[in-house]
Amino acid sequence: MNSTGIVSALICGILFGYVLENAGFGSPVKLTAQFKLSDWSVFKVMFTAIVVAAVGLWLLRAVGLLAPDSVAVPAGLMMASAVGGAMVGAGFAIGGYCPGTSVAGMFSGRIDAVVFAIGIVLGTAAYAFAFGPSMQAMKEIGQLAQGDTFTEVYGVAEPVVLAIMGAALVGVFYLGSWFERRGSGPVTARQAVTGA
C-alpha cells in the first residue's frame, strides 16, 4: 500500500491479532495446552498455513506469476536456529506466549502478557548488548549459503518436498485428533478467554 510497506504491515498485524484473539490463541491456557498434547489447534493452524503458503508459492512460480528469485531466502543458520528455537520454545512453554500472541494478549488486557512482552524487550536488549565475536562465531556454525532452500541443499525436487509436507500435515491432524480424543478435547475459545 506504500513504498515501505509500513501501512500494509500495520493493517495486516491488527487483523492478524484480531483473528488470533477471537480464535483463543491469545490465551496462555490454549497455548500451553499444546505442550501437554491436549490441544493441537495452534500446531494445526500454523502447519496448515506453512503448507498452504509453500504450495501457493510453488504454483505461482510454476505458472509464471512469480519470478523464481523474487522471494528472498536468508542464509540458513543451523546452530543459531536450534539454540534460538529451544529458547523461544522454553519461553513459550513457561510463559504461555510467543512474541505475537503476547502482543495480542496485551491488547486484550492480560497482565501476564504485558509482563511477558516486557521480558521479550529486555531479553532482546540483553542479546544485542552481549552480541560479540563469540556469538557471531556460534551463529555461523552450520551456516548454509545465501538463498539455499531445502531442495537446493539436498537435491530433492520441490513437488516431492511438498508431498512430504502434505503427508505430514495429514499425520498431524490424525495424531492431534487422537490425542485430543484421549484427553478432554481442545480448549475452546470461550475457555481460553475465561481461563476455565
C-alpha atoms as a PDB file:
ATOM      1  CA  MET A   1       0.000   0.000   0.000  1.00  0.00           C
ATOM      2  CA  ASN A   2       3.014   2.272   0.248  1.00  0.00           C
ATOM      3  CA  SER A   3       6.668   2.178  -0.720  1.00  0.00           C
ATOM      4  CA  THR A   4       7.947   0.981   2.661  1.00  0.00           C
ATOM      5  CA  GLY A   5       5.081  -1.361   3.432  1.00  0.00           C
ATOM      6  CA  ILE A   6       4.576   0.065   6.935  1.00  0.00           C
ATOM      7  CA  VAL A   7       0.871   0.772   6.448  1.00  0.00           C
ATOM      8  CA  SER A   8       0.241  -2.672   4.954  1.00  0.00           C
ATOM      9  CA  ALA A   9       2.158  -4.341   7.786  1.00  0.00           C
ATOM     10  CA  LEU A  10       0.213  -2.396  10.408  1.00  0.00           C
ATOM     11  CA  ILE A  11      -3.164  -3.301   8.898  1.00  0.00           C
ATOM     12  CA  CYS A  12      -2.189  -6.965   8.482  1.00  0.00           C
ATOM     13  CA  GLY A  13      -0.839  -7.047  12.039  1.00  0.00           C
ATOM     14  CA  ILE A  14      -4.057  -5.649  13.508  1.00  0.00           C
ATOM     15  CA  LEU A  15      -6.184  -8.097  11.518  1.00  0.00           C
ATOM     16  CA  PHE A  16      -3.898 -10.986  12.489  1.00  0.00           C
ATOM     17  CA  GLY A  17      -4.113 -10.029  16.170  1.00  0.00           C
ATOM     18  CA  TYR A  18      -7.909  -9.777  15.949  1.00  0.00           C
ATOM     19  CA  VAL A  19      -8.150 -13.263  14.429  1.00  0.00           C
ATOM     20  CA  LEU A  20      -5.673 -14.677  16.981  1.00  0.00           C
ATOM     21  CA  GLU A  21      -7.665 -13.331  19.906  1.00  0.00           C
ATOM     22  CA  ASN A  22     -11.035 -14.435  18.554  1.00  0.00           C
ATOM     23  CA  ALA A  23      -9.673 -17.957  17.986  1.00  0.00           C
ATOM     24  CA  GLY A  24      -8.471 -18.050  21.586  1.00  0.00           C
ATOM     25  CA  PHE A  25      -4.820 -18.060  20.507  1.00  0.00           C
ATOM     26  CA  GLY A  26      -4.057 -15.017  22.645  1.00  0.00           C
ATOM     27  CA  SER A  27      -4.619 -17.065  25.797  1.00  0.00           C
ATOM     28  CA  PRO A  28      -1.867 -18.926  27.638  1.00  0.00           C
ATOM     29  CA  VAL A  29      -4.436 -21.578  28.613  1.00  0.00           C
ATOM     30  CA  LYS A  30      -4.893 -22.653  24.997  1.00  0.00           C
ATOM     31  CA  LEU A  31      -1.273 -22.096  24.037  1.00  0.00           C
ATOM     32  CA  THR A  32       0.271 -24.177  26.831  1.00  0.00           C
ATOM     33  CA  ALA A  33      -2.246 -26.973  26.192  1.00  0.00           C
ATOM     34  CA  GLN A  34      -0.277 -27.841  23.049  1.00  0.00           C
ATOM     35  CA  PHE A  35       2.767 -28.684  25.183  1.00  0.00           C
ATOM     36  CA  LYS A  36       0.581 -31.094  27.170  1.00  0.00           C
ATOM     37  CA  LEU A  37      -0.544 -32.619  23.839  1.00  0.00           C
ATOM     38  CA  SER A  38      -4.157 -31.972  24.853  1.00  0.00           C
ATOM     39  CA  ASP A  39      -4.891 -29.263  22.273  1.00  0.00           C
ATOM     40  CA  TRP A  40      -3.271 -29.295  18.833  1.00  0.00           C
ATOM     41  CA  SER A  41      -5.207 -26.321  17.430  1.00  0.00           C
ATOM     42  CA  VAL A  42      -2.246 -23.936  17.277  1.00  0.00           C
ATOM     43  CA  PHE A  43       0.032 -26.504  15.662  1.00  0.00           C
ATOM     44  CA  LYS A  44      -2.643 -27.488  13.145  1.00  0.00           C
ATOM     45  CA  VAL A  45      -3.307 -23.870  12.156  1.00  0.00           C
ATOM     46  CA  MET A  46       0.365 -22.906  11.857  1.00  0.00           C
ATOM     47  CA  PHE A  47       1.373 -26.055   9.973  1.00  0.00           C
ATOM     48  CA  THR A  48      -1.590 -25.635   7.615  1.00  0.00           C
ATOM     49  CA  ALA A  49      -0.526 -22.050   6.939  1.00  0.00           C
ATOM     50  CA  ILE A  50       3.035 -23.193   6.163  1.00  0.00           C
ATOM     51  CA  VAL A  51       1.904 -25.904   3.738  1.00  0.00           C
ATOM     52  CA  VAL A  52      -0.640 -23.642   2.008  1.00  0.00           C
ATOM     53  CA  ALA A  53       1.967 -20.889   1.608  1.00  0.00           C
ATOM     54  CA  ALA A  54       4.573 -23.352   0.271  1.00  0.00           C
ATOM     55  CA  VAL A  55       2.156 -24.854  -2.258  1.00  0.00           C
ATOM     56  CA  GLY A  56       0.873 -21.407  -3.240  1.00  0.00           C
ATOM     57  CA  LEU A  57       4.361 -20.008  -3.855  1.00  0.00           C
ATOM     58  CA  TRP A  58       5.309 -23.084  -5.894  1.00  0.00           C
ATOM     59  CA  LEU A  59       2.149 -22.822  -8.028  1.00  0.00           C
ATOM     60  CA  LEU A  60       2.679 -19.094  -8.620  1.00  0.00           C
ATOM     61  CA  ARG A  61       6.219 -19.808  -9.802  1.00  0.00           C
ATOM     62  CA  ALA A  62       5.072 -22.779 -11.899  1.00  0.00           C
ATOM     63  CA  VAL A  63       2.518 -20.701 -13.847  1.00  0.00           C
ATOM     64  CA  GLY A  64       4.939 -17.795 -14.249  1.00  0.00           C
ATOM     65  CA  LEU A  65       3.176 -15.270 -11.995  1.00  0.00           C
ATOM     66  CA  LEU A  66       6.106 -15.136  -9.595  1.00  0.00           C
ATOM     67  CA  ALA A  67       9.749 -14.852 -10.589  1.00  0.00           C
ATOM     68  CA  PRO A  68      11.909 -17.620  -9.054  1.00  0.00           C
ATOM     69  CA  ASP A  69      14.228 -15.114  -7.362  1.00  0.00           C
ATOM     70  CA  SER A  70      11.542 -12.678  -6.193  1.00  0.00           C
ATOM     71  CA  VAL A  71      11.226 -14.226  -2.720  1.00  0.00           C
ATOM     72  CA  ALA A  72      14.275 -13.555  -0.555  1.00  0.00           C
ATOM     73  CA  VAL A  73      15.562 -16.632   1.257  1.00  0.00           C
ATOM     74  CA  PRO A  74      18.022 -15.716   4.017  1.00  0.00           C
ATOM     75  CA  ALA A  75      21.053 -17.827   4.777  1.00  0.00           C
ATOM     76  CA  GLY A  76      20.268 -20.894   6.860  1.00  0.00           C
ATOM     77  CA  LEU A  77      21.848 -20.599  10.312  1.00  0.00           C
ATOM     78  CA  MET A  78      21.521 -24.114  11.703  1.00  0.00           C
ATOM     79  CA  MET A  79      23.125 -23.634  15.133  1.00  0.00           C
ATOM     80  CA  ALA A  80      21.514 -20.243  15.713  1.00  0.00           C
ATOM     81  CA  SER A  81      18.126 -21.635  14.688  1.00  0.00           C
ATOM     82  CA  ALA A  82      18.485 -24.632  17.014  1.00  0.00           C
ATOM     83  CA  VAL A  83      19.555 -22.548  20.024  1.00  0.00           C
ATOM     84  CA  GLY A  84      17.060 -19.769  19.330  1.00  0.00           C
ATOM     85  CA  GLY A  85      14.246 -22.250  18.726  1.00  0.00           C
ATOM     86  CA  ALA A  86      14.974 -24.039  22.003  1.00  0.00           C
ATOM     87  CA  MET A  87      14.975 -20.750  23.915  1.00  0.00           C
ATOM     88  CA  VAL A  88      11.760 -19.485  22.303  1.00  0.00           C
ATOM     89  CA  GLY A  89      10.130 -22.879  22.900  1.00  0.00           C
ATOM     90  CA  ALA A  90      11.152 -22.855  26.565  1.00  0.00           C
ATOM     91  CA  GLY A  91       9.814 -19.332  26.999  1.00  0.00           C
ATOM     92  CA  PHE A  92       6.614 -20.326  25.219  1.00  0.00           C
ATOM     93  CA  ALA A  93       6.097 -23.358  27.489  1.00  0.00           C
ATOM     94  CA  ILE A  94       6.911 -21.457  30.696  1.00  0.00           C
ATOM     95  CA  GLY A  95       5.176 -18.153  29.976  1.00  0.00           C
ATOM     96  CA  GLY A  96       2.352 -19.360  27.755  1.00  0.00           C
ATOM     97  CA  TYR A  97       3.037 -16.850  24.992  1.00  0.00           C
ATOM     98  CA  CYS A  98       5.143 -16.347  21.894  1.00  0.00           C
ATOM     99  CA  PRO A  99       6.048 -12.802  20.777  1.00  0.00           C
ATOM    100  CA  GLY A 100       2.969 -12.411  18.552  1.00  0.00           C
ATOM    101  CA  THR A 101       0.445 -13.870  20.965  1.00  0.00           C
ATOM    102  CA  SER A 102       1.864 -11.823  23.843  1.00  0.00           C
ATOM    103  CA  VAL A 103       1.032  -8.632  21.927  1.00  0.00           C
ATOM    104  CA  ALA A 104      -2.480  -9.939  21.210  1.00  0.00           C
ATOM    105  CA  GLY A 105      -2.896 -10.829  24.883  1.00  0.00           C
ATOM    106  CA  MET A 106      -1.500  -7.467  25.980  1.00  0.00           C
ATOM    107  CA  PHE A 107      -4.037  -5.544  23.889  1.00  0.00           C
ATOM    108  CA  SER A 108      -6.757  -7.794  25.313  1.00  0.00           C
ATOM    109  CA  GLY A 109      -5.842  -6.578  28.794  1.00  0.00           C
ATOM    110  CA  ARG A 110      -3.926  -9.590  30.108  1.00  0.00           C
ATOM    111  CA  ILE A 111      -1.370  -8.525  32.736  1.00  0.00           C
ATOM    112  CA  ASP A 112       0.725 -11.678  32.287  1.00  0.00           C
ATOM    113  CA  ALA A 113       1.041 -10.869  28.575  1.00  0.00           C
ATOM    114  CA  VAL A 114       2.342  -7.388  29.483  1.00  0.00           C
ATOM    115  CA  VAL A 115       4.963  -8.952  31.758  1.00  0.00           C
ATOM    116  CA  PHE A 116       5.915 -11.423  29.022  1.00  0.00           C
ATOM    117  CA  ALA A 117       6.220  -8.627  26.423  1.00  0.00           C
ATOM    118  CA  ILE A 118       8.461  -6.646  28.774  1.00  0.00           C
ATOM    119  CA  GLY A 119      10.608  -9.774  29.157  1.00  0.00           C
ATOM    120  CA  ILE A 120      10.899 -10.041  25.368  1.00  0.00           C
ATOM    121  CA  VAL A 121      12.111  -6.438  25.128  1.00  0.00           C
ATOM    122  CA  LEU A 122      14.613  -6.896  27.971  1.00  0.00           C
ATOM    123  CA  GLY A 123      15.863 -10.206  26.536  1.00  0.00           C
ATOM    124  CA  THR A 124      16.297  -8.681  23.093  1.00  0.00           C
ATOM    125  CA  ALA A 125      18.195  -5.739  24.584  1.00  0.00           C
ATOM    126  CA  ALA A 126      20.447  -8.084  26.599  1.00  0.00           C
ATOM    127  CA  TYR A 127      21.202 -10.125  23.482  1.00  0.00           C
ATOM    128  CA  ALA A 128      22.022  -7.009  21.463  1.00  0.00           C
ATOM    129  CA  PHE A 129      24.280  -5.728  24.259  1.00  0.00           C
ATOM    130  CA  ALA A 130      26.093  -9.064  24.670  1.00  0.00           C
ATOM    131  CA  PHE A 131      26.473  -9.764  20.958  1.00  0.00           C
ATOM    132  CA  GLY A 132      30.113 -10.080  20.047  1.00  0.00           C
ATOM    133  CA  PRO A 133      32.685 -12.235  18.226  1.00  0.00           C
ATOM    134  CA  SER A 134      31.854 -15.400  20.190  1.00  0.00           C
ATOM    135  CA  MET A 135      28.136 -15.151  19.429  1.00  0.00           C
ATOM    136  CA  GLN A 136      28.880 -14.360  15.792  1.00  0.00           C
ATOM    137  CA  ALA A 137      31.101 -17.452  15.573  1.00  0.00           C
ATOM    138  CA  MET A 138      28.395 -19.647  17.134  1.00  0.00           C
ATOM    139  CA  LYS A 139      25.786 -18.164  14.816  1.00  0.00           C
ATOM    140  CA  GLU A 140      27.823 -19.139  11.777  1.00  0.00           C
ATOM    141  CA  ILE A 141      28.178 -22.815  12.765  1.00  0.00           C
ATOM    142  CA  GLY A 142      26.386 -24.868  10.134  1.00  0.00           C
ATOM    143  CA  GLN A 143      25.603 -21.801   8.030  1.00  0.00           C
ATOM    144  CA  LEU A 144      24.206 -22.578   4.598  1.00  0.00           C
ATOM    145  CA  ALA A 145      24.773 -20.421   1.545  1.00  0.00           C
ATOM    146  CA  GLN A 146      22.598 -17.369   0.982  1.00  0.00           C
ATOM    147  CA  GLY A 147      19.364 -18.362  -0.702  1.00  0.00           C
ATOM    148  CA  ASP A 148      19.721 -22.100  -0.112  1.00  0.00           C
ATOM    149  CA  THR A 149      16.421 -23.923   0.195  1.00  0.00           C
ATOM    150  CA  PHE A 150      15.792 -27.499   1.278  1.00  0.00           C
ATOM    151  CA  THR A 151      15.518 -28.588  -2.349  1.00  0.00           C
ATOM    152  CA  GLU A 152      18.789 -26.893  -3.287  1.00  0.00           C
ATOM    153  CA  VAL A 153      20.750 -28.218  -0.325  1.00  0.00           C
ATOM    154  CA  TYR A 154      19.572 -31.828  -0.534  1.00  0.00           C
ATOM    155  CA  GLY A 155      18.720 -32.047  -4.239  1.00  0.00           C
ATOM    156  CA  VAL A 156      15.104 -33.088  -3.682  1.00  0.00           C
ATOM    157  CA  ALA A 157      12.502 -31.867  -6.182  1.00  0.00           C
ATOM    158  CA  GLU A 158      10.020 -29.317  -4.849  1.00  0.00           C
ATOM    159  CA  PRO A 159       6.919 -31.419  -5.620  1.00  0.00           C
ATOM    160  CA  VAL A 160       8.421 -34.245  -3.541  1.00  0.00           C
ATOM    161  CA  VAL A 161       9.063 -31.895  -0.617  1.00  0.00           C
ATOM    162  CA  LEU A 162       5.529 -30.506  -0.896  1.00  0.00           C
ATOM    163  CA  ALA A 163       4.089 -34.031  -0.984  1.00  0.00           C
ATOM    164  CA  ILE A 164       6.035 -34.930   2.165  1.00  0.00           C
ATOM    165  CA  MET A 165       4.802 -31.755   3.854  1.00  0.00           C
ATOM    166  CA  GLY A 166       1.217 -32.566   2.831  1.00  0.00           C
ATOM    167  CA  ALA A 167       1.509 -36.103   4.202  1.00  0.00           C
ATOM    168  CA  ALA A 168       2.990 -34.746   7.427  1.00  0.00           C
ATOM    169  CA  LEU A 169       0.073 -32.302   7.702  1.00  0.00           C
ATOM    170  CA  VAL A 170      -2.436 -35.149   7.376  1.00  0.00           C
ATOM    171  CA  GLY A 171      -0.465 -37.034  10.032  1.00  0.00           C
ATOM    172  CA  VAL A 172      -0.534 -34.036  12.364  1.00  0.00           C
ATOM    173  CA  PHE A 173      -4.310 -33.770  12.048  1.00  0.00           C
ATOM    174  CA  TYR A 174      -4.750 -37.507  12.635  1.00  0.00           C
ATOM    175  CA  LEU A 175      -2.320 -37.642  15.564  1.00  0.00           C
ATOM    176  CA  GLY A 176      -3.671 -34.428  17.075  1.00  0.00           C
ATOM    177  CA  SER A 177      -7.250 -35.681  16.907  1.00  0.00           C
ATOM    178  CA  TRP A 178      -6.173 -38.952  18.543  1.00  0.00           C
ATOM    179  CA  PHE A 179      -4.524 -37.131  21.458  1.00  0.00           C
ATOM    180  CA  GLU A 180      -7.478 -34.750  21.821  1.00  0.00           C
ATOM    181  CA  ARG A 181      -9.940 -37.677  21.940  1.00  0.00           C
ATOM    182  CA  ARG A 182      -7.882 -39.304  24.693  1.00  0.00           C
ATOM    183  CA  GLY A 183      -7.911 -36.080  26.714  1.00  0.00           C
ATOM    184  CA  SER A 184     -10.732 -33.675  27.347  1.00  0.00           C
ATOM    185  CA  GLY A 185     -10.627 -32.280  23.814  1.00  0.00           C
ATOM    186  CA  PRO A 186      -9.210 -28.990  22.575  1.00  0.00           C
ATOM    187  CA  VAL A 187      -9.604 -25.827  24.623  1.00  0.00           C
ATOM    188  CA  THR A 188     -12.466 -23.760  23.220  1.00  0.00           C
ATOM    189  CA  ALA A 189     -12.153 -20.034  22.529  1.00  0.00           C
ATOM    190  CA  ARG A 190     -14.503 -19.384  25.488  1.00  0.00           C
ATOM    191  CA  GLN A 191     -12.378 -21.494  27.829  1.00  0.00           C
ATOM    192  CA  ALA A 192      -9.272 -19.709  26.588  1.00  0.00           C
ATOM    193  CA  VAL A 193     -10.804 -16.302  27.334  1.00  0.00           C
ATOM    194  CA  THR A 194     -12.189 -17.244  30.762  1.00  0.00           C
ATOM    195  CA  GLY A 195      -9.269 -19.467  31.764  1.00  0.00           C
ATOM    196  CA  ALA A 196     -11.697 -22.211  32.804  1.00  0.00           C
END
